[in-house]
PDB file of all heavy atoms in Angstrom:
ATOM      1  N   MET A   1      83.547 136.451  34.979  1.00  0.00           N
ATOM      2  CA  MET A   1      83.503 136.430  36.443  1.00  0.00           C
ATOM      3  C   MET A   1      84.254 137.594  37.076  1.00  0.00           C
ATOM      4  O   MET A   1      84.243 137.750  38.295  1.00  0.00           O
ATOM      5  CB  MET A   1      84.105 135.117  36.957  1.00  0.00           C
ATOM      6  CG  MET A   1      83.335 133.880  36.557  1.00  0.00           C
ATOM      7  SD  MET A   1      84.026 132.395  37.320  1.00  0.00           S
ATOM      8  CE  MET A   1      85.639 132.347  36.538  1.00  0.00           C
ATOM      9  N   GLY A   2      84.930 138.411  36.250  1.00  0.00           N
ATOM     10  CA  GLY A   2      85.710 139.515  36.796  1.00  0.00           C
ATOM     11  C   GLY A   2      86.929 139.052  37.573  1.00  0.00           C
ATOM     12  O   GLY A   2      87.374 139.736  38.499  1.00  0.00           O
ATOM     13  N   ARG A   3      87.468 137.888  37.202  1.00  0.00           N
ATOM     14  CA  ARG A   3      88.618 137.310  37.925  1.00  0.00           C
ATOM     15  C   ARG A   3      89.921 137.856  37.333  1.00  0.00           C
ATOM     16  O   ARG A   3      90.598 137.196  36.552  1.00  0.00           O
ATOM     17  CB  ARG A   3      88.563 135.787  37.841  1.00  0.00           C
ATOM     18  CG  ARG A   3      87.275 135.170  38.359  1.00  0.00           C
ATOM     19  CD  ARG A   3      87.164 135.274  39.871  1.00  0.00           C
ATOM     20  NE  ARG A   3      87.917 134.236  40.526  1.00  0.00           N
ATOM     21  CZ  ARG A   3      87.393 133.095  40.976  1.00  0.00           C
ATOM     22  NH1 ARG A   3      86.096 132.861  40.830  1.00  0.00           N
ATOM     23  NH2 ARG A   3      88.145 132.201  41.568  1.00  0.00           N
ATOM     24  N   ILE A   4      90.278 139.061  37.711  1.00  0.00           N
ATOM     25  CA  ILE A   4      91.438 139.727  37.134  1.00  0.00           C
ATOM     26  C   ILE A   4      92.748 139.049  37.533  1.00  0.00           C
ATOM     27  O   ILE A   4      93.687 138.981  36.723  1.00  0.00           O
ATOM     28  CB  ILE A   4      91.452 141.228  37.520  1.00  0.00           C
ATOM     29  CG1 ILE A   4      92.584 141.964  36.788  1.00  0.00           C
ATOM     30  CG2 ILE A   4      91.554 141.407  39.020  1.00  0.00           C
ATOM     31  CD1 ILE A   4      92.461 141.972  35.302  1.00  0.00           C
ATOM     32  N   GLN A   5      92.834 138.534  38.766  1.00  0.00           N
ATOM     33  CA  GLN A   5      94.087 137.909  39.203  1.00  0.00           C
ATOM     34  C   GLN A   5      94.397 136.661  38.376  1.00  0.00           C
ATOM     35  O   GLN A   5      95.519 136.480  37.891  1.00  0.00           O
ATOM     36  CB  GLN A   5      94.015 137.541  40.699  1.00  0.00           C
ATOM     37  CG  GLN A   5      95.346 137.088  41.294  1.00  0.00           C
ATOM     38  CD  GLN A   5      96.460 138.107  41.101  1.00  0.00           C
ATOM     39  OE1 GLN A   5      96.267 139.301  41.312  1.00  0.00           O
ATOM     40  NE2 GLN A   5      97.621 137.637  40.660  1.00  0.00           N
ATOM     41  N   GLU A   6      93.384 135.799  38.212  1.00  0.00           N
ATOM     42  CA  GLU A   6      93.571 134.617  37.380  1.00  0.00           C
ATOM     43  C   GLU A   6      93.866 135.030  35.939  1.00  0.00           C
ATOM     44  O   GLU A   6      94.686 134.414  35.257  1.00  0.00           O
ATOM     45  CB  GLU A   6      92.337 133.715  37.416  1.00  0.00           C
ATOM     46  CG  GLU A   6      92.121 132.983  38.726  1.00  0.00           C
ATOM     47  CD  GLU A   6      91.338 133.802  39.740  1.00  0.00           C
ATOM     48  OE1 GLU A   6      91.248 135.041  39.564  1.00  0.00           O
ATOM     49  OE2 GLU A   6      90.817 133.217  40.699  1.00  0.00           O
ATOM     50  N   GLY A   7      93.213 136.103  35.486  1.00  0.00           N
ATOM     51  CA  GLY A   7      93.443 136.590  34.136  1.00  0.00           C
ATOM     52  C   GLY A   7      94.884 137.023  33.927  1.00  0.00           C
ATOM     53  O   GLY A   7      95.484 136.751  32.877  1.00  0.00           O
ATOM     54  N   LYS A   8      95.452 137.692  34.931  1.00  0.00           N
ATOM     55  CA  LYS A   8      96.853 138.124  34.818  1.00  0.00           C
ATOM     56  C   LYS A   8      97.807 136.926  34.788  1.00  0.00           C
ATOM     57  O   LYS A   8      98.809 136.931  34.063  1.00  0.00           O
ATOM     58  CB  LYS A   8      97.207 139.044  35.988  1.00  0.00           C
ATOM     59  CG  LYS A   8      96.587 140.434  35.878  1.00  0.00           C
ATOM     60  CD  LYS A   8      97.004 141.326  37.041  1.00  0.00           C
ATOM     61  CE  LYS A   8      96.477 142.742  36.860  1.00  0.00           C
ATOM     62  NZ  LYS A   8      96.883 143.638  37.964  1.00  0.00           N
ATOM     63  N   GLU A   9      97.492 135.895  35.575  1.00  0.00           N
ATOM     64  CA  GLU A   9      98.331 134.689  35.582  1.00  0.00           C
ATOM     65  C   GLU A   9      98.286 134.004  34.214  1.00  0.00           C
ATOM     66  O   GLU A   9      99.312 133.546  33.693  1.00  0.00           O
ATOM     67  CB  GLU A   9      97.860 133.735  36.675  1.00  0.00           C
ATOM     68  CG  GLU A   9      98.111 134.260  38.082  1.00  0.00           C
ATOM     69  CD  GLU A   9      97.489 133.383  39.151  1.00  0.00           C
ATOM     70  OE1 GLU A   9      96.941 132.315  38.794  1.00  0.00           O
ATOM     71  OE2 GLU A   9      97.532 133.753  40.339  1.00  0.00           O
ATOM     72  N   ILE A  10      97.104 133.947  33.640  1.00  0.00           N
ATOM     73  CA  ILE A  10      96.959 133.337  32.312  1.00  0.00           C
ATOM     74  C   ILE A  10      97.673 134.185  31.263  1.00  0.00           C
ATOM     75  O   ILE A  10      98.282 133.656  30.331  1.00  0.00           O
ATOM     76  CB  ILE A  10      95.469 133.149  31.973  1.00  0.00           C
ATOM     77  CG1 ILE A  10      94.855 132.089  32.908  1.00  0.00           C
ATOM     78  CG2 ILE A  10      95.275 132.736  30.519  1.00  0.00           C
ATOM     79  CD1 ILE A  10      93.356 132.063  32.912  1.00  0.00           C
ATOM     80  N   HIS A  11      97.623 135.501  31.447  1.00  0.00           N
ATOM     81  CA  HIS A  11      98.346 136.407  30.550  1.00  0.00           C
ATOM     82  C   HIS A  11      99.842 136.063  30.550  1.00  0.00           C
ATOM     83  O   HIS A  11     100.485 136.002  29.496  1.00  0.00           O
ATOM     84  CB  HIS A  11      98.132 137.854  30.988  1.00  0.00           C
ATOM     85  CG  HIS A  11      98.749 138.872  30.080  1.00  0.00           C
ATOM     86  ND1 HIS A  11      98.741 140.222  30.351  1.00  0.00           N
ATOM     87  CD2 HIS A  11      99.419 138.739  28.901  1.00  0.00           C
ATOM     88  CE1 HIS A  11      99.360 140.870  29.386  1.00  0.00           C
ATOM     89  NE2 HIS A  11      99.785 140.003  28.497  1.00  0.00           N
ATOM     90  N   GLY A  12     100.396 135.820  31.734  1.00  0.00           N
ATOM     91  CA  GLY A  12     101.802 135.440  31.830  1.00  0.00           C
ATOM     92  C   GLY A  12     102.096 134.152  31.081  1.00  0.00           C
ATOM     93  O   GLY A  12     103.144 134.017  30.427  1.00  0.00           O
ATOM     94  N   PHE A  13     101.191 133.196  31.191  1.00  0.00           N
ATOM     95  CA  PHE A  13     101.333 131.911  30.493  1.00  0.00           C
ATOM     96  C   PHE A  13     101.313 132.137  28.977  1.00  0.00           C
ATOM     97  O   PHE A  13     102.082 131.532  28.232  1.00  0.00           O
ATOM     98  CB  PHE A  13     100.198 130.989  30.923  1.00  0.00           C
ATOM     99  CG  PHE A  13     100.438 129.532  30.630  1.00  0.00           C
ATOM    100  CD1 PHE A  13      99.468 128.585  30.982  1.00  0.00           C
ATOM    101  CD2 PHE A  13     101.589 129.080  30.007  1.00  0.00           C
ATOM    102  CE1 PHE A  13      99.667 127.236  30.726  1.00  0.00           C
ATOM    103  CE2 PHE A  13     101.788 127.732  29.747  1.00  0.00           C
ATOM    104  CZ  PHE A  13     100.834 126.813  30.099  1.00  0.00           C
ATOM    105  N   VAL A  14     100.427 133.030  28.523  1.00  0.00           N
ATOM    106  CA  VAL A  14     100.318 133.346  27.092  1.00  0.00           C
ATOM    107  C   VAL A  14     101.642 133.902  26.566  1.00  0.00           C
ATOM    108  O   VAL A  14     102.134 133.499  25.502  1.00  0.00           O
ATOM    109  CB  VAL A  14      99.173 134.366  26.858  1.00  0.00           C
ATOM    110  CG1 VAL A  14      99.261 134.975  25.455  1.00  0.00           C
ATOM    111  CG2 VAL A  14      97.810 133.710  27.049  1.00  0.00           C
ATOM    112  N   VAL A  15     102.234 134.832  27.329  1.00  0.00           N
ATOM    113  CA  VAL A  15     103.510 135.432  26.923  1.00  0.00           C
ATOM    114  C   VAL A  15     104.605 134.369  26.872  1.00  0.00           C
ATOM    115  O   VAL A  15     105.428 134.335  25.946  1.00  0.00           O
ATOM    116  CB  VAL A  15     103.899 136.572  27.885  1.00  0.00           C
ATOM    117  CG1 VAL A  15     105.299 137.095  27.560  1.00  0.00           C
ATOM    118  CG2 VAL A  15     102.878 137.703  27.804  1.00  0.00           C
ATOM    119  N   LYS A  16     104.591 133.483  27.870  1.00  0.00           N
ATOM    120  CA  LYS A  16     105.597 132.416  27.936  1.00  0.00           C
ATOM    121  C   LYS A  16     105.542 131.524  26.694  1.00  0.00           C
ATOM    122  O   LYS A  16     106.580 131.079  26.182  1.00  0.00           O
ATOM    123  CB  LYS A  16     105.363 131.580  29.195  1.00  0.00           C
ATOM    124  CG  LYS A  16     106.401 130.491  29.420  1.00  0.00           C
ATOM    125  CD  LYS A  16     106.111 129.742  30.712  1.00  0.00           C
ATOM    126  CE  LYS A  16     107.126 128.617  30.919  1.00  0.00           C
ATOM    127  NZ  LYS A  16     106.843 127.856  32.175  1.00  0.00           N
ATOM    128  N   LEU A  17     104.326 131.267  26.195  1.00  0.00           N
ATOM    129  CA  LEU A  17     104.167 130.419  25.009  1.00  0.00           C
ATOM    130  C   LEU A  17     104.309 131.201  23.704  1.00  0.00           C
ATOM    131  O   LEU A  17     104.209 130.625  22.616  1.00  0.00           O
ATOM    132  CB  LEU A  17     102.793 129.729  25.044  1.00  0.00           C
ATOM    133  CG  LEU A  17     102.563 128.722  26.176  1.00  0.00           C
ATOM    134  CD1 LEU A  17     101.142 128.183  26.122  1.00  0.00           C
ATOM    135  CD2 LEU A  17     103.565 127.575  26.103  1.00  0.00           C
ATOM    136  N   GLY A  18     104.512 132.524  23.798  1.00  0.00           N
ATOM    137  CA  GLY A  18     104.695 133.342  22.601  1.00  0.00           C
ATOM    138  C   GLY A  18     103.435 133.552  21.799  1.00  0.00           C
ATOM    139  O   GLY A  18     103.492 133.740  20.575  1.00  0.00           O
ATOM    140  N   LEU A  19     102.279 133.537  22.476  1.00  0.00           N
ATOM    141  CA  LEU A  19     101.001 133.673  21.768  1.00  0.00           C
ATOM    142  C   LEU A  19     100.374 135.057  21.938  1.00  0.00           C
ATOM    143  O   LEU A  19      99.228 135.269  21.547  1.00  0.00           O
ATOM    144  CB  LEU A  19     100.010 132.613  22.276  1.00  0.00           C
ATOM    145  CG  LEU A  19     100.377 131.154  22.000  1.00  0.00           C
ATOM    146  CD1 LEU A  19      99.398 130.220  22.714  1.00  0.00           C
ATOM    147  CD2 LEU A  19     100.364 130.874  20.500  1.00  0.00           C
ATOM    148  N   ASP A  20     101.104 135.994  22.517  1.00  0.00           N
ATOM    149  CA  ASP A  20     100.520 137.291  22.841  1.00  0.00           C
ATOM    150  C   ASP A  20     100.245 138.153  21.614  1.00  0.00           C
ATOM    151  O   ASP A  20      99.527 139.149  21.697  1.00  0.00           O
ATOM    152  CB  ASP A  20     101.398 138.062  23.836  1.00  0.00           C
ATOM    153  CG  ASP A  20     102.870 138.044  23.466  1.00  0.00           C
ATOM    154  OD1 ASP A  20     103.344 137.004  23.002  1.00  0.00           O
ATOM    155  OD2 ASP A  20     103.545 139.082  23.649  1.00  0.00           O
ATOM    156  N   ASN A  21     100.803 137.810  20.452  1.00  0.00           N
ATOM    157  CA  ASN A  21     100.517 138.566  19.228  1.00  0.00           C
ATOM    158  C   ASN A  21      99.508 137.860  18.319  1.00  0.00           C
ATOM    159  O   ASN A  21      99.229 138.330  17.217  1.00  0.00           O
ATOM    160  CB  ASN A  21     101.804 138.840  18.446  1.00  0.00           C
ATOM    161  CG  ASN A  21     102.591 140.000  19.039  1.00  0.00           C
ATOM    162  OD1 ASN A  21     102.003 140.958  19.524  1.00  0.00           O
ATOM    163  ND2 ASN A  21     103.909 139.903  19.030  1.00  0.00           N
ATOM    164  N   ASP A  22      98.990 136.729  18.771  1.00  0.00           N
ATOM    165  CA  ASP A  22      97.941 136.052  18.012  1.00  0.00           C
ATOM    166  C   ASP A  22      96.654 136.874  18.122  1.00  0.00           C
ATOM    167  O   ASP A  22      96.260 137.299  19.215  1.00  0.00           O
ATOM    168  CB  ASP A  22      97.707 134.645  18.572  1.00  0.00           C
ATOM    169  CG  ASP A  22      96.600 133.916  17.855  1.00  0.00           C
ATOM    170  OD1 ASP A  22      96.886 133.238  16.861  1.00  0.00           O
ATOM    171  OD2 ASP A  22      95.442 134.038  18.302  1.00  0.00           O
ATOM    172  N   GLU A  23      95.986 137.115  16.985  1.00  0.00           N
ATOM    173  CA  GLU A  23      94.846 138.032  16.990  1.00  0.00           C
ATOM    174  C   GLU A  23      93.706 137.568  17.897  1.00  0.00           C
ATOM    175  O   GLU A  23      93.057 138.365  18.568  1.00  0.00           O
ATOM    176  CB  GLU A  23      94.324 138.262  15.568  1.00  0.00           C
ATOM    177  CG  GLU A  23      93.692 137.073  14.880  1.00  0.00           C
ATOM    178  CD  GLU A  23      94.689 136.285  14.045  1.00  0.00           C
ATOM    179  OE1 GLU A  23      95.902 136.328  14.355  1.00  0.00           O
ATOM    180  OE2 GLU A  23      94.247 135.618  13.107  1.00  0.00           O
ATOM    181  N   PHE A  24      93.453 136.252  17.945  1.00  0.00           N
ATOM    182  CA  PHE A  24      92.371 135.745  18.786  1.00  0.00           C
ATOM    183  C   PHE A  24      92.723 135.866  20.261  1.00  0.00           C
ATOM    184  O   PHE A  24      91.911 136.297  21.083  1.00  0.00           O
ATOM    185  CB  PHE A  24      92.063 134.280  18.437  1.00  0.00           C
ATOM    186  CG  PHE A  24      91.514 134.090  17.063  1.00  0.00           C
ATOM    187  CD1 PHE A  24      92.198 133.346  16.110  1.00  0.00           C
ATOM    188  CD2 PHE A  24      90.316 134.666  16.698  1.00  0.00           C
ATOM    189  CE1 PHE A  24      91.702 133.172  14.831  1.00  0.00           C
ATOM    190  CE2 PHE A  24      89.801 134.497  15.422  1.00  0.00           C
ATOM    191  CZ  PHE A  24      90.502 133.748  14.479  1.00  0.00           C
ATOM    192  N   VAL A  25      93.921 135.497  20.594  1.00  0.00           N
ATOM    193  CA  VAL A  25      94.362 135.564  21.992  1.00  0.00           C
ATOM    194  C   VAL A  25      94.458 137.018  22.446  1.00  0.00           C
ATOM    195  O   VAL A  25      93.988 137.380  23.530  1.00  0.00           O
ATOM    196  CB  VAL A  25      95.720 134.846  22.176  1.00  0.00           C
ATOM    197  CG1 VAL A  25      96.186 134.968  23.623  1.00  0.00           C
ATOM    198  CG2 VAL A  25      95.614 133.383  21.770  1.00  0.00           C
ATOM    199  N   ALA A  26      95.059 137.864  21.599  1.00  0.00           N
ATOM    200  CA  ALA A  26      95.239 139.273  21.964  1.00  0.00           C
ATOM    201  C   ALA A  26      93.901 139.971  22.195  1.00  0.00           C
ATOM    202  O   ALA A  26      93.735 140.712  23.167  1.00  0.00           O
ATOM    203  CB  ALA A  26      96.031 139.992  20.880  1.00  0.00           C
ATOM    204  N   SER A  27      92.942 139.737  21.310  1.00  0.00           N
ATOM    205  CA  SER A  27      91.643 140.405  21.466  1.00  0.00           C
ATOM    206  C   SER A  27      90.946 139.972  22.742  1.00  0.00           C
ATOM    207  O   SER A  27      90.295 140.782  23.410  1.00  0.00           O
ATOM    208  CB  SER A  27      90.747 140.132  20.253  1.00  0.00           C
ATOM    209  OG  SER A  27      90.449 138.755  20.136  1.00  0.00           O
ATOM    210  N   ASN A  28      91.108 138.712  23.110  1.00  0.00           N
ATOM    211  CA  ASN A  28      90.478 138.240  24.346  1.00  0.00           C
ATOM    212  C   ASN A  28      91.234 138.683  25.594  1.00  0.00           C
ATOM    213  O   ASN A  28      90.628 138.829  26.660  1.00  0.00           O
ATOM    214  CB  ASN A  28      90.333 136.715  24.307  1.00  0.00           C
ATOM    215  CG  ASN A  28      89.136 136.276  23.489  1.00  0.00           C
ATOM    216  OD1 ASN A  28      88.000 136.350  23.937  1.00  0.00           O
ATOM    217  ND2 ASN A  28      89.389 135.855  22.247  1.00  0.00           N
ATOM    218  N   LEU A  29      92.533 138.896  25.473  1.00  0.00           N
ATOM    219  CA  LEU A  29      93.282 139.497  26.581  1.00  0.00           C
ATOM    220  C   LEU A  29      92.785 140.924  26.827  1.00  0.00           C
ATOM    221  O   LEU A  29      92.523 141.318  27.970  1.00  0.00           O
ATOM    222  CB  LEU A  29      94.782 139.516  26.263  1.00  0.00           C
ATOM    223  CG  LEU A  29      95.594 138.284  26.647  1.00  0.00           C
ATOM    224  CD1 LEU A  29      96.997 138.362  26.041  1.00  0.00           C
ATOM    225  CD2 LEU A  29      95.687 138.143  28.170  1.00  0.00           C
ATOM    226  N   VAL A  30      92.660 141.682  25.745  1.00  0.00           N
ATOM    227  CA  VAL A  30      92.165 143.053  25.874  1.00  0.00           C
ATOM    228  C   VAL A  30      90.752 143.048  26.446  1.00  0.00           C
ATOM    229  O   VAL A  30      90.424 143.818  27.352  1.00  0.00           O
ATOM    230  CB  VAL A  30      92.189 143.764  24.503  1.00  0.00           C
ATOM    231  CG1 VAL A  30      91.529 145.134  24.608  1.00  0.00           C
ATOM    232  CG2 VAL A  30      93.613 143.917  23.998  1.00  0.00           C
ATOM    233  N   ARG A  31      89.889 142.148  25.933  1.00  0.00           N
ATOM    234  CA  ARG A  31      88.509 142.059  26.420  1.00  0.00           C
ATOM    235  C   ARG A  31      88.473 141.697  27.905  1.00  0.00           C
ATOM    236  O   ARG A  31      87.677 142.244  28.663  1.00  0.00           O
ATOM    237  CB  ARG A  31      87.730 141.026  25.612  1.00  0.00           C
ATOM    238  CG  ARG A  31      86.271 140.895  26.069  1.00  0.00           C
ATOM    239  CD  ARG A  31      85.517 139.836  25.298  1.00  0.00           C
ATOM    240  NE  ARG A  31      85.142 140.298  23.963  1.00  0.00           N
ATOM    241  CZ  ARG A  31      85.680 139.893  22.849  1.00  0.00           C
ATOM    242  NH1 ARG A  31      86.674 138.991  22.879  1.00  0.00           N
ATOM    243  NH2 ARG A  31      85.289 140.349  21.687  1.00  0.00           N
ATOM    244  N   MET A  32      89.331 140.790  28.321  1.00  0.00           N
ATOM    245  CA  MET A  32      89.364 140.378  29.727  1.00  0.00           C
ATOM    246  C   MET A  32      89.686 141.569  30.624  1.00  0.00           C
ATOM    247  O   MET A  32      88.998 141.830  31.614  1.00  0.00           O
ATOM    248  CB  MET A  32      90.389 139.259  29.923  1.00  0.00           C
ATOM    249  CG  MET A  32      90.445 138.682  31.335  1.00  0.00           C
ATOM    250  SD  MET A  32      91.540 139.587  32.469  1.00  0.00           S
ATOM    251  CE  MET A  32      93.135 139.343  31.674  1.00  0.00           C
ATOM    252  N   TYR A  33      90.740 142.311  30.284  1.00  0.00           N
ATOM    253  CA  TYR A  33      91.099 143.478  31.098  1.00  0.00           C
ATOM    254  C   TYR A  33      89.995 144.533  31.064  1.00  0.00           C
ATOM    255  O   TYR A  33      89.670 145.147  32.084  1.00  0.00           O
ATOM    256  CB  TYR A  33      92.416 144.080  30.595  1.00  0.00           C
ATOM    257  CG  TYR A  33      93.652 143.330  31.068  1.00  0.00           C
ATOM    258  CD1 TYR A  33      94.427 142.588  30.185  1.00  0.00           C
ATOM    259  CD2 TYR A  33      94.036 143.374  32.409  1.00  0.00           C
ATOM    260  CE1 TYR A  33      95.558 141.900  30.618  1.00  0.00           C
ATOM    261  CE2 TYR A  33      95.167 142.697  32.859  1.00  0.00           C
ATOM    262  CZ  TYR A  33      95.923 141.956  31.958  1.00  0.00           C
ATOM    263  OH  TYR A  33      97.034 141.270  32.407  1.00  0.00           O
ATOM    264  N   ALA A  34      89.408 144.742  29.881  1.00  0.00           N
ATOM    265  CA  ALA A  34      88.361 145.760  29.740  1.00  0.00           C
ATOM    266  C   ALA A  34      87.119 145.391  30.551  1.00  0.00           C
ATOM    267  O   ALA A  34      86.555 146.229  31.260  1.00  0.00           O
ATOM    268  CB  ALA A  34      87.991 145.938  28.270  1.00  0.00           C
ATOM    269  N   MET A  35      86.687 144.129  30.479  1.00  0.00           N
ATOM    270  CA  MET A  35      85.490 143.711  31.210  1.00  0.00           C
ATOM    271  C   MET A  35      85.717 143.682  32.717  1.00  0.00           C
ATOM    272  O   MET A  35      84.774 143.784  33.499  1.00  0.00           O
ATOM    273  CB  MET A  35      85.013 142.343  30.712  1.00  0.00           C
ATOM    274  CG  MET A  35      84.390 142.401  29.325  1.00  0.00           C
ATOM    275  SD  MET A  35      83.682 140.821  28.782  1.00  0.00           S
ATOM    276  CE  MET A  35      82.282 140.671  29.909  1.00  0.00           C
ATOM    277  N   CYS A  36      86.986 143.565  33.109  1.00  0.00           N
ATOM    278  CA  CYS A  36      87.318 143.628  34.537  1.00  0.00           C
ATOM    279  C   CYS A  36      87.537 145.064  34.990  1.00  0.00           C
ATOM    280  O   CYS A  36      87.864 145.315  36.161  1.00  0.00           O
ATOM    281  CB  CYS A  36      88.553 142.783  34.845  1.00  0.00           C
ATOM    282  SG  CYS A  36      88.276 141.004  34.695  1.00  0.00           S
ATOM    283  N   GLY A  37      87.391 146.009  34.067  1.00  0.00           N
ATOM    284  CA  GLY A  37      87.501 147.421  34.414  1.00  0.00           C
ATOM    285  C   GLY A  37      88.917 147.947  34.501  1.00  0.00           C
ATOM    286  O   GLY A  37      89.130 149.073  34.953  1.00  0.00           O
ATOM    287  N   VAL A  38      89.913 147.157  34.076  1.00  0.00           N
ATOM    288  CA  VAL A  38      91.317 147.579  34.151  1.00  0.00           C
ATOM    289  C   VAL A  38      91.692 148.147  32.779  1.00  0.00           C
ATOM    290  O   VAL A  38      92.426 147.529  32.001  1.00  0.00           O
ATOM    291  CB  VAL A  38      92.237 146.397  34.550  1.00  0.00           C
ATOM    292  CG1 VAL A  38      93.663 146.881  34.819  1.00  0.00           C
ATOM    293  CG2 VAL A  38      91.686 145.684  35.775  1.00  0.00           C
ATOM    294  N   MET A  39      91.193 149.334  32.492  1.00  0.00           N
ATOM    295  CA  MET A  39      91.332 149.893  31.158  1.00  0.00           C
ATOM    296  C   MET A  39      92.755 150.334  30.840  1.00  0.00           C
ATOM    297  O   MET A  39      93.150 150.378  29.668  1.00  0.00           O
ATOM    298  CB  MET A  39      90.370 151.069  30.985  1.00  0.00           C
ATOM    299  CG  MET A  39      88.908 150.660  30.944  1.00  0.00           C
ATOM    300  SD  MET A  39      88.547 149.426  29.657  1.00  0.00           S
ATOM    301  CE  MET A  39      88.977 150.318  28.175  1.00  0.00           C
ATOM    302  N   GLU A  40      93.526 150.669  31.853  1.00  0.00           N
ATOM    303  CA  GLU A  40      94.914 151.084  31.612  1.00  0.00           C
ATOM    304  C   GLU A  40      95.710 149.947  30.985  1.00  0.00           C
ATOM    305  O   GLU A  40      96.419 150.126  29.983  1.00  0.00           O
ATOM    306  CB  GLU A  40      95.556 151.517  32.940  1.00  0.00           C
ATOM    307  CG  GLU A  40      96.753 152.421  32.752  1.00  0.00           C
ATOM    308  CD  GLU A  40      97.227 153.019  34.068  1.00  0.00           C
ATOM    309  OE1 GLU A  40      96.401 153.561  34.818  1.00  0.00           O
ATOM    310  OE2 GLU A  40      98.431 152.930  34.325  1.00  0.00           O
TER     311      GLU A  40
END
């Protein structure tokens, strides 16, 4: 849906739970930012 704001909030939740280095979660975080056009 290109919902970058909600994506960033969920990203914060992921970090809080310590899941940001999980390969499945990390790849989908990268995909979310990429599909929303936030390549930086």
